[in-house]
Amino acid sequence: MIGVTELESQLDPPGTPGLRAAFVGAWFVDLVATLLFFTVPYADELNPVTVFFHDVFGFVGVVIAAVSYAAFVVGIGHLLSRPLDTGFVALMAGLYALFASNNVVLLISRESLLTLLVL
């Protein structure tokens, strides 16, 4: 029987557990905000791949696109050696946090984060 630590070392998950949790948290907030973009009339999703998947599969397509993006990030992180994998996942977690923050602000205030920060 394979122990948990042996299985984890075979899978070589990118980054630290806290960093992976931050990535998943920011990714999930971004996913929920993206889903809401398709329900409000004043905001549009700009990612053409997500829009295409939504047009083909509906809301399930948005989830499929988001899961594909996360799998791509985790796959690249898995291929990179340490410490590059940690840096890569940290960068992606930061980008998702920025995107999610912008999306949430846009949904609440109808203005992008950049517009609010500049004014």
PDB file of N, CA and C in Angstrom:
ATOM      1  N   MET A   1       0.843  -1.177   0.000  1.00  0.00           N
ATOM      2  CA  MET A   1       0.000   0.000   0.000  1.00  0.00           C
ATOM      3  C   MET A   1       0.892   1.245   0.000  1.00  0.00           C
ATOM      4  N   ILE A   2       0.525   2.213  -0.793  1.00  0.00           N
ATOM      5  CA  ILE A   2       1.298   3.436  -0.903  1.00  0.00           C
ATOM      6  C   ILE A   2       0.861   4.409   0.189  1.00  0.00           C
ATOM      7  N   GLY A   3       1.824   4.928   0.950  1.00  0.00           N
ATOM      8  CA  GLY A   3       1.526   5.923   1.978  1.00  0.00           C
ATOM      9  C   GLY A   3       1.245   7.274   1.359  1.00  0.00           C
ATOM     10  N   VAL A   4       0.673   8.147   2.152  1.00  0.00           N
ATOM     11  CA  VAL A   4       0.318   9.468   1.660  1.00  0.00           C
ATOM     12  C   VAL A   4       1.559  10.250   1.241  1.00  0.00           C
ATOM     13  N   THR A   5       2.615  10.188   2.031  1.00  0.00           N
ATOM     14  CA  THR A   5       3.816  10.954   1.690  1.00  0.00           C
ATOM     15  C   THR A   5       4.473  10.395   0.435  1.00  0.00           C
ATOM     16  N   GLU A   6       4.447   9.076   0.262  1.00  0.00           N
ATOM     17  CA  GLU A   6       5.022   8.485  -0.948  1.00  0.00           C
ATOM     18  C   GLU A   6       4.198   8.871  -2.175  1.00  0.00           C
ATOM     19  N   LEU A   7       2.880   8.856  -2.046  1.00  0.00           N
ATOM     20  CA  LEU A   7       2.012   9.245  -3.156  1.00  0.00           C
ATOM     21  C   LEU A   7       2.209  10.725  -3.487  1.00  0.00           C
ATOM     22  N   GLU A   8       2.318  11.575  -2.445  1.00  0.00           N
ATOM     23  CA  GLU A   8       2.519  12.997  -2.682  1.00  0.00           C
ATOM     24  C   GLU A   8       3.856  13.259  -3.354  1.00  0.00           C
ATOM     25  N   SER A   9       4.888  12.504  -2.987  1.00  0.00           N
ATOM     26  CA  SER A   9       6.191  12.710  -3.620  1.00  0.00           C
ATOM     27  C   SER A   9       6.165  12.240  -5.072  1.00  0.00           C
ATOM     28  N   GLN A  10       5.349  11.244  -5.396  1.00  0.00           N
ATOM     29  CA  GLN A  10       5.224  10.803  -6.786  1.00  0.00           C
ATOM     30  C   GLN A  10       4.463  11.839  -7.616  1.00  0.00           C
ATOM     31  N   LEU A  11       3.451  12.462  -7.018  1.00  0.00           N
ATOM     32  CA  LEU A  11       2.669  13.461  -7.732  1.00  0.00           C
ATOM     33  C   LEU A  11       3.404  14.792  -7.835  1.00  0.00           C
ATOM     34  N   ASP A  12       4.278  15.095  -6.881  1.00  0.00           N
ATOM     35  CA  ASP A  12       5.064  16.325  -6.854  1.00  0.00           C
ATOM     36  C   ASP A  12       4.185  17.547  -7.073  1.00  0.00           C
ATOM     37  N   PRO A  13       3.256  17.815  -6.134  1.00  0.00           N
ATOM     38  CA  PRO A  13       2.390  18.977  -6.315  1.00  0.00           C
ATOM     39  C   PRO A  13       3.203  20.263  -6.269  1.00  0.00           C
ATOM     40  N   PRO A  14       2.871  21.229  -7.131  1.00  0.00           N
ATOM     41  CA  PRO A  14       3.648  22.469  -7.177  1.00  0.00           C
ATOM     42  C   PRO A  14       3.392  23.359  -5.971  1.00  0.00           C
ATOM     43  N   GLY A  15       4.443  24.007  -5.493  1.00  0.00           N
ATOM     44  CA  GLY A  15       4.308  24.963  -4.402  1.00  0.00           C
ATOM     45  C   GLY A  15       4.073  24.314  -3.063  1.00  0.00           C
ATOM     46  N   THR A  16       3.716  25.132  -2.099  1.00  0.00           N
ATOM     47  CA  THR A  16       3.444  24.664  -0.741  1.00  0.00           C
ATOM     48  C   THR A  16       1.937  24.460  -0.576  1.00  0.00           C
ATOM     49  N   PRO A  17       1.509  23.733   0.460  1.00  0.00           N
ATOM     50  CA  PRO A  17       0.057  23.566   0.668  1.00  0.00           C
ATOM     51  C   PRO A  17      -0.678  24.897   0.824  1.00  0.00           C
ATOM     52  N   GLY A  18      -0.092  25.858   1.541  1.00  0.00           N
ATOM     53  CA  GLY A  18      -0.733  27.165   1.703  1.00  0.00           C
ATOM     54  C   GLY A  18      -0.855  27.912   0.390  1.00  0.00           C
ATOM     55  N   LEU A  19       0.182  27.826  -0.426  1.00  0.00           N
ATOM     56  CA  LEU A  19       0.162  28.477  -1.731  1.00  0.00           C
ATOM     57  C   LEU A  19      -0.873  27.832  -2.643  1.00  0.00           C
ATOM     58  N   ARG A  20      -0.960  26.513  -2.599  1.00  0.00           N
ATOM     59  CA  ARG A  20      -1.978  25.830  -3.404  1.00  0.00           C
ATOM     60  C   ARG A  20      -3.373  26.215  -2.941  1.00  0.00           C
ATOM     61  N   ALA A  21      -3.564  26.349  -1.630  1.00  0.00           N
ATOM     62  CA  ALA A  21      -4.871  26.767  -1.097  1.00  0.00           C
ATOM     63  C   ALA A  21      -5.201  28.197  -1.539  1.00  0.00           C
ATOM     64  N   ALA A  22      -4.206  29.081  -1.539  1.00  0.00           N
ATOM     65  CA  ALA A  22      -4.428  30.451  -1.998  1.00  0.00           C
ATOM     66  C   ALA A  22      -4.811  30.464  -3.471  1.00  0.00           C
ATOM     67  N   PHE A  23      -4.141  29.641  -4.268  1.00  0.00           N
ATOM     68  CA  PHE A  23      -4.467  29.562  -5.691  1.00  0.00           C
ATOM     69  C   PHE A  23      -5.899  29.077  -5.886  1.00  0.00           C
ATOM     70  N   VAL A  24      -6.275  28.015  -5.193  1.00  0.00           N
ATOM     71  CA  VAL A  24      -7.629  27.463  -5.338  1.00  0.00           C
ATOM     72  C   VAL A  24      -8.668  28.478  -4.866  1.00  0.00           C
ATOM     73  N   GLY A  25      -8.387  29.181  -3.770  1.00  0.00           N
ATOM     74  CA  GLY A  25      -9.329  30.175  -3.262  1.00  0.00           C
ATOM     75  C   GLY A  25      -9.543  31.315  -4.247  1.00  0.00           C
ATOM     76  N   ALA A  26      -8.447  31.866  -4.770  1.00  0.00           N
ATOM     77  CA  ALA A  26      -8.563  32.963  -5.739  1.00  0.00           C
ATOM     78  C   ALA A  26      -9.208  32.469  -7.030  1.00  0.00           C
ATOM     79  N   TRP A  27      -8.848  31.258  -7.452  1.00  0.00           N
ATOM     80  CA  TRP A  27      -9.448  30.673  -8.657  1.00  0.00           C
ATOM     81  C   TRP A  27     -10.960  30.517  -8.480  1.00  0.00           C
ATOM     82  N   PHE A  28     -11.390  30.062  -7.309  1.00  0.00           N
ATOM     83  CA  PHE A  28     -12.813  29.841  -7.072  1.00  0.00           C
ATOM     84  C   PHE A  28     -13.588  31.162  -7.069  1.00  0.00           C
ATOM     85  N   VAL A  29     -13.040  32.197  -6.432  1.00  0.00           N
ATOM     86  CA  VAL A  29     -13.704  33.501  -6.431  1.00  0.00           C
ATOM     87  C   VAL A  29     -13.816  34.021  -7.861  1.00  0.00           C
ATOM     88  N   ASP A  30     -12.741  33.853  -8.641  1.00  0.00           N
ATOM     89  CA  ASP A  30     -12.771  34.281 -10.038  1.00  0.00           C
ATOM     90  C   ASP A  30     -13.818  33.495 -10.827  1.00  0.00           C
ATOM     91  N   LEU A  31     -13.933  32.197 -10.566  1.00  0.00           N
ATOM     92  CA  LEU A  31     -14.940  31.369 -11.244  1.00  0.00           C
ATOM     93  C   LEU A  31     -16.346  31.862 -10.931  1.00  0.00           C
ATOM     94  N   VAL A  32     -16.638  32.123  -9.666  1.00  0.00           N
ATOM     95  CA  VAL A  32     -17.974  32.586  -9.282  1.00  0.00           C
ATOM     96  C   VAL A  32     -18.268  33.939  -9.922  1.00  0.00           C
ATOM     97  N   ALA A  33     -17.292  34.849  -9.898  1.00  0.00           N
ATOM     98  CA  ALA A  33     -17.491  36.162 -10.522  1.00  0.00           C
ATOM     99  C   ALA A  33     -17.706  36.023 -12.023  1.00  0.00           C
ATOM    100  N   THR A  34     -16.968  35.142 -12.657  1.00  0.00           N
ATOM    101  CA  THR A  34     -17.135  34.925 -14.096  1.00  0.00           C
ATOM    102  C   THR A  34     -18.522  34.375 -14.404  1.00  0.00           C
ATOM    103  N   LEU A  35     -18.994  33.455 -13.591  1.00  0.00           N
ATOM    104  CA  LEU A  35     -20.352  32.940 -13.779  1.00  0.00           C
ATOM    105  C   LEU A  35     -21.371  34.075 -13.662  1.00  0.00           C
ATOM    106  N   LEU A  36     -21.149  34.966 -12.716  1.00  0.00           N
ATOM    107  CA  LEU A  36     -22.078  36.084 -12.533  1.00  0.00           C
ATOM    108  C   LEU A  36     -22.032  37.066 -13.693  1.00  0.00           C
ATOM    109  N   PHE A  37     -20.894  37.162 -14.393  1.00  0.00           N
ATOM    110  CA  PHE A  37     -20.809  38.041 -15.552  1.00  0.00           C
ATOM    111  C   PHE A  37     -21.856  37.685 -16.607  1.00  0.00           C
ATOM    112  N   PHE A  38     -22.192  36.417 -16.687  1.00  0.00           N
ATOM    113  CA  PHE A  38     -23.162  35.984 -17.698  1.00  0.00           C
ATOM    114  C   PHE A  38     -24.597  36.194 -17.250  1.00  0.00           C
ATOM    115  N   THR A  39     -24.790  36.670 -16.017  1.00  0.00           N
ATOM    116  CA  THR A  39     -26.154  36.895 -15.521  1.00  0.00           C
ATOM    117  C   THR A  39     -26.497  38.368 -15.369  1.00  0.00           C
ATOM    118  N   VAL A  40     -25.489  39.252 -15.421  1.00  0.00           N
ATOM    119  CA  VAL A  40     -25.763  40.686 -15.277  1.00  0.00           C
ATOM    120  C   VAL A  40     -25.628  41.361 -16.636  1.00  0.00           C
ATOM    121  N   PRO A  41     -26.472  42.354 -16.900  1.00  0.00           N
ATOM    122  CA  PRO A  41     -26.425  42.989 -18.225  1.00  0.00           C
ATOM    123  C   PRO A  41     -25.302  44.016 -18.396  1.00  0.00           C
ATOM    124  N   TYR A  42     -24.690  44.478 -17.316  1.00  0.00           N
ATOM    125  CA  TYR A  42     -23.727  45.573 -17.418  1.00  0.00           C
ATOM    126  C   TYR A  42     -22.265  45.126 -17.444  1.00  0.00           C
ATOM    127  N   ALA A  43     -22.004  43.834 -17.391  1.00  0.00           N
ATOM    128  CA  ALA A  43     -20.618  43.355 -17.417  1.00  0.00           C
ATOM    129  C   ALA A  43     -20.505  42.221 -18.430  1.00  0.00           C
ATOM    130  N   ASP A  44     -19.377  42.186 -19.109  1.00  0.00           N
ATOM    131  CA  ASP A  44     -19.127  41.148 -20.107  1.00  0.00           C
ATOM    132  C   ASP A  44     -17.835  40.429 -19.789  1.00  0.00           C
ATOM    133  N   GLU A  45     -17.817  39.141 -20.035  1.00  0.00           N
ATOM    134  CA  GLU A  45     -16.582  38.368 -19.927  1.00  0.00           C
ATOM    135  C   GLU A  45     -15.750  38.661 -21.160  1.00  0.00           C
ATOM    136  N   LEU A  46     -14.472  38.957 -20.955  1.00  0.00           N
ATOM    137  CA  LEU A  46     -13.601  39.322 -22.063  1.00  0.00           C
ATOM    138  C   LEU A  46     -12.838  38.139 -22.650  1.00  0.00           C
ATOM    139  N   ASN A  47     -12.702  37.057 -21.915  1.00  0.00           N
ATOM    140  CA  ASN A  47     -11.942  35.906 -22.390  1.00  0.00           C
ATOM    141  C   ASN A  47     -12.741  35.180 -23.476  1.00  0.00           C
ATOM    142  N   PRO A  48     -12.240  35.154 -24.707  1.00  0.00           N
ATOM    143  CA  PRO A  48     -13.008  34.543 -25.799  1.00  0.00           C
ATOM    144  C   PRO A  48     -13.184  33.034 -25.644  1.00  0.00           C
ATOM    145  N   VAL A  49     -12.252  32.382 -24.999  1.00  0.00           N
ATOM    146  CA  VAL A  49     -12.386  30.927 -24.794  1.00  0.00           C
ATOM    147  C   VAL A  49     -13.539  30.651 -23.834  1.00  0.00           C
ATOM    148  N   THR A  50     -13.599  31.396 -22.752  1.00  0.00           N
ATOM    149  CA  THR A  50     -14.695  31.224 -21.794  1.00  0.00           C
ATOM    150  C   THR A  50     -16.031  31.547 -22.439  1.00  0.00           C
ATOM    151  N   VAL A  51     -16.075  32.611 -23.227  1.00  0.00           N
ATOM    152  CA  VAL A  51     -17.324  32.976 -23.923  1.00  0.00           C
ATOM    153  C   VAL A  51     -17.727  31.869 -24.894  1.00  0.00           C
ATOM    154  N   PHE A  52     -16.769  31.305 -25.617  1.00  0.00           N
ATOM    155  CA  PHE A  52     -17.070  30.216 -26.548  1.00  0.00           C
ATOM    156  C   PHE A  52     -17.637  29.012 -25.796  1.00  0.00           C
ATOM    157  N   PHE A  53     -16.980  28.620 -24.705  1.00  0.00           N
ATOM    158  CA  PHE A  53     -17.477  27.479 -23.929  1.00  0.00           C
ATOM    159  C   PHE A  53     -18.856  27.767 -23.360  1.00  0.00           C
ATOM    160  N   HIS A  54     -19.113  29.014 -22.950  1.00  0.00           N
ATOM    161  CA  HIS A  54     -20.438  29.365 -22.452  1.00  0.00           C
ATOM    162  C   HIS A  54     -21.476  29.267 -23.566  1.00  0.00           C
ATOM    163  N   ASP A  55     -21.124  29.738 -24.758  1.00  0.00           N
ATOM    164  CA  ASP A  55     -22.058  29.669 -25.880  1.00  0.00           C
ATOM    165  C   ASP A  55     -22.390  28.232 -26.252  1.00  0.00           C
ATOM    166  N   VAL A  56     -21.413  27.340 -26.137  1.00  0.00           N
ATOM    167  CA  VAL A  56     -21.620  25.940 -26.521  1.00  0.00           C
ATOM    168  C   VAL A  56     -22.308  25.141 -25.417  1.00  0.00           C
ATOM    169  N   PHE A  57     -21.842  25.298 -24.161  1.00  0.00           N
ATOM    170  CA  PHE A  57     -22.308  24.434 -23.072  1.00  0.00           C
ATOM    171  C   PHE A  57     -23.100  25.159 -21.993  1.00  0.00           C
ATOM    172  N   GLY A  58     -23.253  26.459 -22.080  1.00  0.00           N
ATOM    173  CA  GLY A  58     -23.935  27.206 -21.022  1.00  0.00           C
ATOM    174  C   GLY A  58     -23.009  27.397 -19.826  1.00  0.00           C
ATOM    175  N   PHE A  59     -23.595  27.459 -18.640  1.00  0.00           N
ATOM    176  CA  PHE A  59     -22.807  27.692 -17.434  1.00  0.00           C
ATOM    177  C   PHE A  59     -21.813  26.566 -17.158  1.00  0.00           C
ATOM    178  N   VAL A  60     -22.143  25.373 -17.574  1.00  0.00           N
ATOM    179  CA  VAL A  60     -21.206  24.247 -17.421  1.00  0.00           C
ATOM    180  C   VAL A  60     -19.935  24.523 -18.225  1.00  0.00           C
ATOM    181  N   GLY A  61     -20.072  25.167 -19.354  1.00  0.00           N
ATOM    182  CA  GLY A  61     -18.916  25.513 -20.169  1.00  0.00           C
ATOM    183  C   GLY A  61     -17.973  26.474 -19.467  1.00  0.00           C
ATOM    184  N   VAL A  62     -18.521  27.399 -18.680  1.00  0.00           N
ATOM    185  CA  VAL A  62     -17.684  28.324 -17.911  1.00  0.00           C
ATOM    186  C   VAL A  62     -16.868  27.544 -16.887  1.00  0.00           C
ATOM    187  N   VAL A  63     -17.507  26.588 -16.237  1.00  0.00           N
ATOM    188  CA  VAL A  63     -16.805  25.753 -15.258  1.00  0.00           C
ATOM    189  C   VAL A  63     -15.747  24.893 -15.956  1.00  0.00           C
ATOM    190  N   ILE A  64     -16.080  24.341 -17.114  1.00  0.00           N
ATOM    191  CA  ILE A  64     -15.109  23.535 -17.866  1.00  0.00           C
ATOM    192  C   ILE A  64     -13.897  24.381 -18.245  1.00  0.00           C
ATOM    193  N   ALA A  65     -14.134  25.592 -18.709  1.00  0.00           N
ATOM    194  CA  ALA A  65     -13.020  26.483 -19.063  1.00  0.00           C
ATOM    195  C   ALA A  65     -12.170  26.791 -17.836  1.00  0.00           C
ATOM    196  N   ALA A  66     -12.797  27.105 -16.715  1.00  0.00           N
ATOM    197  CA  ALA A  66     -12.055  27.437 -15.494  1.00  0.00           C
ATOM    198  C   ALA A  66     -11.247  26.251 -14.985  1.00  0.00           C
ATOM    199  N   VAL A  67     -11.840  25.071 -15.014  1.00  0.00           N
ATOM    200  CA  VAL A  67     -11.113  23.866 -14.585  1.00  0.00           C
ATOM    201  C   VAL A  67      -9.951  23.590 -15.531  1.00  0.00           C
ATOM    202  N   SER A  68     -10.148  23.837 -16.815  1.00  0.00           N
ATOM    203  CA  SER A  68      -9.063  23.642 -17.787  1.00  0.00           C
ATOM    204  C   SER A  68      -7.904  24.587 -17.506  1.00  0.00           C
ATOM    205  N   TYR A  69      -8.220  25.848 -17.187  1.00  0.00           N
ATOM    206  CA  TYR A  69      -7.157  26.813 -16.867  1.00  0.00           C
ATOM    207  C   TYR A  69      -6.392  26.365 -15.622  1.00  0.00           C
ATOM    208  N   ALA A  70      -7.119  25.951 -14.592  1.00  0.00           N
ATOM    209  CA  ALA A  70      -6.465  25.507 -13.350  1.00  0.00           C
ATOM    210  C   ALA A  70      -5.615  24.265 -13.594  1.00  0.00           C
ATOM    211  N   ALA A  71      -6.129  23.328 -14.389  1.00  0.00           N
ATOM    212  CA  ALA A  71      -5.362  22.118 -14.702  1.00  0.00           C
ATOM    213  C   ALA A  71      -4.096  22.464 -15.476  1.00  0.00           C
ATOM    214  N   PHE A  72      -4.181  23.434 -16.356  1.00  0.00           N
ATOM    215  CA  PHE A  72      -3.019  23.881 -17.116  1.00  0.00           C
ATOM    216  C   PHE A  72      -1.962  24.464 -16.180  1.00  0.00           C
ATOM    217  N   VAL A  73      -2.389  25.305 -15.234  1.00  0.00           N
ATOM    218  CA  VAL A  73      -1.456  25.899 -14.275  1.00  0.00           C
ATOM    219  C   VAL A  73      -0.815  24.820 -13.414  1.00  0.00           C
ATOM    220  N   VAL A  74      -1.618  23.898 -12.896  1.00  0.00           N
ATOM    221  CA  VAL A  74      -1.085  22.827 -12.053  1.00  0.00           C
ATOM    222  C   VAL A  74      -0.165  21.926 -12.864  1.00  0.00           C
ATOM    223  N   GLY A  75      -0.525  21.655 -14.119  1.00  0.00           N
ATOM    224  CA  GLY A  75       0.322  20.831 -14.982  1.00  0.00           C
ATOM    225  C   GLY A  75       1.679  21.458 -15.232  1.00  0.00           C
ATOM    226  N   ILE A  76       1.692  22.744 -15.512  1.00  0.00           N
ATOM    227  CA  ILE A  76       2.971  23.429 -15.712  1.00  0.00           C
ATOM    228  C   ILE A  76       3.759  23.432 -14.412  1.00  0.00           C
ATOM    229  N   GLY A  77       3.093  23.724 -13.305  1.00  0.00           N
ATOM    230  CA  GLY A  77       3.769  23.703 -12.006  1.00  0.00           C
ATOM    231  C   GLY A  77       4.345  22.339 -11.689  1.00  0.00           C
ATOM    232  N   HIS A  78       3.643  21.306 -12.110  1.00  0.00           N
ATOM    233  CA  HIS A  78       4.122  19.930 -11.885  1.00  0.00           C
ATOM    234  C   HIS A  78       5.381  19.656 -12.698  1.00  0.00           C
ATOM    235  N   LEU A  79       5.469  20.201 -13.893  1.00  0.00           N
ATOM    236  CA  LEU A  79       6.627  19.969 -14.750  1.00  0.00           C
ATOM    237  C   LEU A  79       7.853  20.764 -14.326  1.00  0.00           C
ATOM    238  N   LEU A  80       7.647  21.909 -13.693  1.00  0.00           N
ATOM    239  CA  LEU A  80       8.769  22.736 -13.263  1.00  0.00           C
ATOM    240  C   LEU A  80       9.425  22.140 -12.021  1.00  0.00           C
ATOM    241  N   SER A  81      10.708  22.363 -11.902  1.00  0.00           N
ATOM    242  CA  SER A  81      11.411  21.882 -10.710  1.00  0.00           C
ATOM    243  C   SER A  81      11.252  22.902  -9.594  1.00  0.00           C
ATOM    244  N   ARG A  82      11.487  22.435  -8.376  1.00  0.00           N
ATOM    245  CA  ARG A  82      11.474  23.355  -7.243  1.00  0.00           C
ATOM    246  C   ARG A  82      12.685  24.252  -7.354  1.00  0.00           C
ATOM    247  N   PRO A  83      12.704  25.443  -7.067  1.00  0.00           N
ATOM    248  CA  PRO A  83      11.725  26.405  -6.559  1.00  0.00           C
ATOM    249  C   PRO A  83      10.947  27.117  -7.665  1.00  0.00           C
ATOM    250  N   LEU A  84      11.212  26.776  -8.941  1.00  0.00           N
ATOM    251  CA  LEU A  84      10.476  27.431 -10.026  1.00  0.00           C
ATOM    252  C   LEU A  84       8.985  27.156  -9.941  1.00  0.00           C
ATOM    253  N   ASP A  85       8.597  25.945  -9.518  1.00  0.00           N
ATOM    254  CA  ASP A  85       7.170  25.628  -9.422  1.00  0.00           C
ATOM    255  C   ASP A  85       6.486  26.500  -8.388  1.00  0.00           C
ATOM    256  N   THR A  86       7.170  26.770  -7.280  1.00  0.00           N
ATOM    257  CA  THR A  86       6.593  27.628  -6.243  1.00  0.00           C
ATOM    258  C   THR A  86       6.426  29.054  -6.761  1.00  0.00           C
ATOM    259  N   GLY A  87       7.431  29.563  -7.441  1.00  0.00           N
ATOM    260  CA  GLY A  87       7.334  30.906  -8.011  1.00  0.00           C
ATOM    261  C   GLY A  87       6.236  31.014  -9.042  1.00  0.00           C
ATOM    262  N   PHE A  88       6.111  29.996  -9.885  1.00  0.00           N
ATOM    263  CA  PHE A  88       5.081  29.995 -10.921  1.00  0.00           C
ATOM    264  C   PHE A  88       3.690  29.977 -10.309  1.00  0.00           C
ATOM    265  N   VAL A  89       3.472  29.086  -9.345  1.00  0.00           N
ATOM    266  CA  VAL A  89       2.150  28.999  -8.718  1.00  0.00           C
ATOM    267  C   VAL A  89       1.864  30.277  -7.930  1.00  0.00           C
ATOM    268  N   ALA A  90       2.878  30.868  -7.290  1.00  0.00           N
ATOM    269  CA  ALA A  90       2.681  32.139  -6.579  1.00  0.00           C
ATOM    270  C   ALA A  90       2.267  33.241  -7.561  1.00  0.00           C
ATOM    271  N   LEU A  91       2.922  33.297  -8.713  1.00  0.00           N
ATOM    272  CA  LEU A  91       2.553  34.276  -9.737  1.00  0.00           C
ATOM    273  C   LEU A  91       1.116  34.052 -10.203  1.00  0.00           C
ATOM    274  N   MET A  92       0.748  32.815 -10.466  1.00  0.00           N
ATOM    275  CA  MET A  92      -0.617  32.513 -10.924  1.00  0.00           C
ATOM    276  C   MET A  92      -1.644  32.817  -9.838  1.00  0.00           C
ATOM    277  N   ALA A  93      -1.324  32.523  -8.575  1.00  0.00           N
ATOM    278  CA  ALA A  93      -2.245  32.846  -7.472  1.00  0.00           C
ATOM    279  C   ALA A  93      -2.421  34.360  -7.381  1.00  0.00           C
ATOM    280  N   GLY A  94      -1.332  35.109  -7.563  1.00  0.00           N
ATOM    281  CA  GLY A  94      -1.421  36.560  -7.542  1.00  0.00           C
ATOM    282  C   GLY A  94      -2.257  37.105  -8.685  1.00  0.00           C
ATOM    283  N   LEU A  95      -2.060  36.546  -9.873  1.00  0.00           N
ATOM    284  CA  LEU A  95      -2.854  36.987 -11.021  1.00  0.00           C
ATOM    285  C   LEU A  95      -4.336  36.667 -10.823  1.00  0.00           C
ATOM    286  N   TYR A  96      -4.632  35.454 -10.339  1.00  0.00           N
ATOM    287  CA  TYR A  96      -6.032  35.111 -10.086  1.00  0.00           C
ATOM    288  C   TYR A  96      -6.619  36.020  -9.017  1.00  0.00           C
ATOM    289  N   ALA A  97      -5.842  36.371  -7.989  1.00  0.00           N
ATOM    290  CA  ALA A  97      -6.339  37.286  -6.957  1.00  0.00           C
ATOM    291  C   ALA A  97      -6.642  38.654  -7.559  1.00  0.00           C
ATOM    292  N   LEU A  98      -5.769  39.122  -8.447  1.00  0.00           N
ATOM    293  CA  LEU A  98      -6.005  40.402  -9.119  1.00  0.00           C
ATOM    294  C   LEU A  98      -7.253  40.337  -9.992  1.00  0.00           C
ATOM    295  N   PHE A  99      -7.373  39.280 -10.801  1.00  0.00           N
ATOM    296  CA  PHE A  99      -8.546  39.129 -11.667  1.00  0.00           C
ATOM    297  C   PHE A  99      -9.823  39.014 -10.842  1.00  0.00           C
ATOM    298  N   ALA A 100      -9.768  38.205  -9.784  1.00  0.00           N
ATOM    299  CA  ALA A 100     -10.955  38.026  -8.950  1.00  0.00           C
ATOM    300  C   ALA A 100     -11.338  39.326  -8.268  1.00  0.00           C
ATOM    301  N   SER A 101     -10.349  40.075  -7.779  1.00  0.00           N
ATOM    302  CA  SER A 101     -10.634  41.371  -7.142  1.00  0.00           C
ATOM    303  C   SER A 101     -11.290  42.308  -8.135  1.00  0.00           C
ATOM    304  N   ASN A 102     -10.745  42.383  -9.334  1.00  0.00           N
ATOM    305  CA  ASN A 102     -11.320  43.246 -10.357  1.00  0.00           C
ATOM    306  C   ASN A 102     -12.749  42.811 -10.694  1.00  0.00           C
ATOM    307  N   ASN A 103     -12.954  41.517 -10.842  1.00  0.00           N
ATOM    308  CA  ASN A 103     -14.283  41.022 -11.203  1.00  0.00           C
ATOM    309  C   ASN A 103     -15.306  41.301 -10.111  1.00  0.00           C
ATOM    310  N   VAL A 104     -14.922  41.103  -8.860  1.00  0.00           N
ATOM    311  CA  VAL A 104     -15.847  41.349  -7.751  1.00  0.00           C
ATOM    312  C   VAL A 104     -16.173  42.842  -7.659  1.00  0.00           C
ATOM    313  N   VAL A 105     -15.144  43.691  -7.767  1.00  0.00           N
ATOM    314  CA  VAL A 105     -15.374  45.139  -7.739  1.00  0.00           C
ATOM    315  C   VAL A 105     -16.271  45.554  -8.905  1.00  0.00           C
ATOM    316  N   LEU A 106     -16.024  44.995 -10.080  1.00  0.00           N
ATOM    317  CA  LEU A 106     -16.837  45.317 -11.251  1.00  0.00           C
ATOM    318  C   LEU A 106     -18.292  44.910 -11.049  1.00  0.00           C
ATOM    319  N   LEU A 107     -18.509  43.754 -10.465  1.00  0.00           N
ATOM    320  CA  LEU A 107     -19.886  43.308 -10.227  1.00  0.00           C
ATOM    321  C   LEU A 107     -20.592  44.170  -9.188  1.00  0.00           C
ATOM    322  N   ILE A 108     -19.859  44.614  -8.180  1.00  0.00           N
ATOM    323  CA  ILE A 108     -20.477  45.394  -7.101  1.00  0.00           C
ATOM    324  C   ILE A 108     -20.676  46.855  -7.507  1.00  0.00           C
ATOM    325  N   SER A 109     -19.643  47.451  -8.103  1.00  0.00           N
ATOM    326  CA  SER A 109     -19.690  48.896  -8.350  1.00  0.00           C
ATOM    327  C   SER A 109     -19.940  49.276  -9.807  1.00  0.00           C
ATOM    328  N   ARG A 110     -19.928  48.297 -10.689  1.00  0.00           N
ATOM    329  CA  ARG A 110     -20.085  48.523 -12.125  1.00  0.00           C
ATOM    330  C   ARG A 110     -18.914  49.289 -12.726  1.00  0.00           C
ATOM    331  N   GLU A 111     -17.827  49.393 -11.997  1.00  0.00           N
ATOM    332  CA  GLU A 111     -16.597  50.027 -12.458  1.00  0.00           C
ATOM    333  C   GLU A 111     -15.447  49.058 -12.210  1.00  0.00           C
ATOM    334  N   SER A 112     -14.466  49.061 -13.099  1.00  0.00           N
ATOM    335  CA  SER A 112     -13.324  48.167 -12.900  1.00  0.00           C
ATOM    336  C   SER A 112     -12.449  48.680 -11.771  1.00  0.00           C
ATOM    337  N   LEU A 113     -11.641  47.805 -11.225  1.00  0.00           N
ATOM    338  CA  LEU A 113     -10.722  48.157 -10.152  1.00  0.00           C
ATOM    339  C   LEU A 113      -9.756  49.239 -10.598  1.00  0.00           C
ATOM    340  N   LEU A 114      -9.243  49.138 -11.813  1.00  0.00           N
ATOM    341  CA  LEU A 114      -8.309  50.132 -12.337  1.00  0.00           C
ATOM    342  C   LEU A 114      -8.960  51.508 -12.415  1.00  0.00           C
ATOM    343  N   THR A 115     -10.195  51.562 -12.883  1.00  0.00           N
ATOM    344  CA  THR A 115     -10.908  52.835 -12.977  1.00  0.00           C
ATOM    345  C   THR A 115     -11.103  53.454 -11.596  1.00  0.00           C
ATOM    346  N   LEU A 116     -11.443  52.649 -10.620  1.00  0.00           N
ATOM    347  CA  LEU A 116     -11.650  53.167  -9.273  1.00  0.00           C
ATOM    348  C   LEU A 116     -10.347  53.630  -8.636  1.00  0.00           C
ATOM    349  N   LEU A 117      -9.250  52.935  -8.917  1.00  0.00           N
ATOM    350  CA  LEU A 117      -7.959  53.307  -8.341  1.00  0.00           C
ATOM    351  C   LEU A 117      -7.398  54.573  -8.964  1.00  0.00           C
ATOM    352  N   VAL A 118      -7.657  54.790 -10.252  1.00  0.00           N
ATOM    353  CA  VAL A 118      -7.143  55.967 -10.952  1.00  0.00           C
ATOM    354  C   VAL A 118      -7.913  57.213 -10.532  1.00  0.00           C
ATOM    355  N   LEU A 119      -9.211  57.079 -10.327  1.00  0.00           N
ATOM    356  CA  LEU A 119     -10.031  58.244  -9.942  1.00  0.00           C
ATOM    357  C   LEU A 119      -9.788  58.535  -8.538  1.00  0.00           C
TER     358      LEU A 119
END
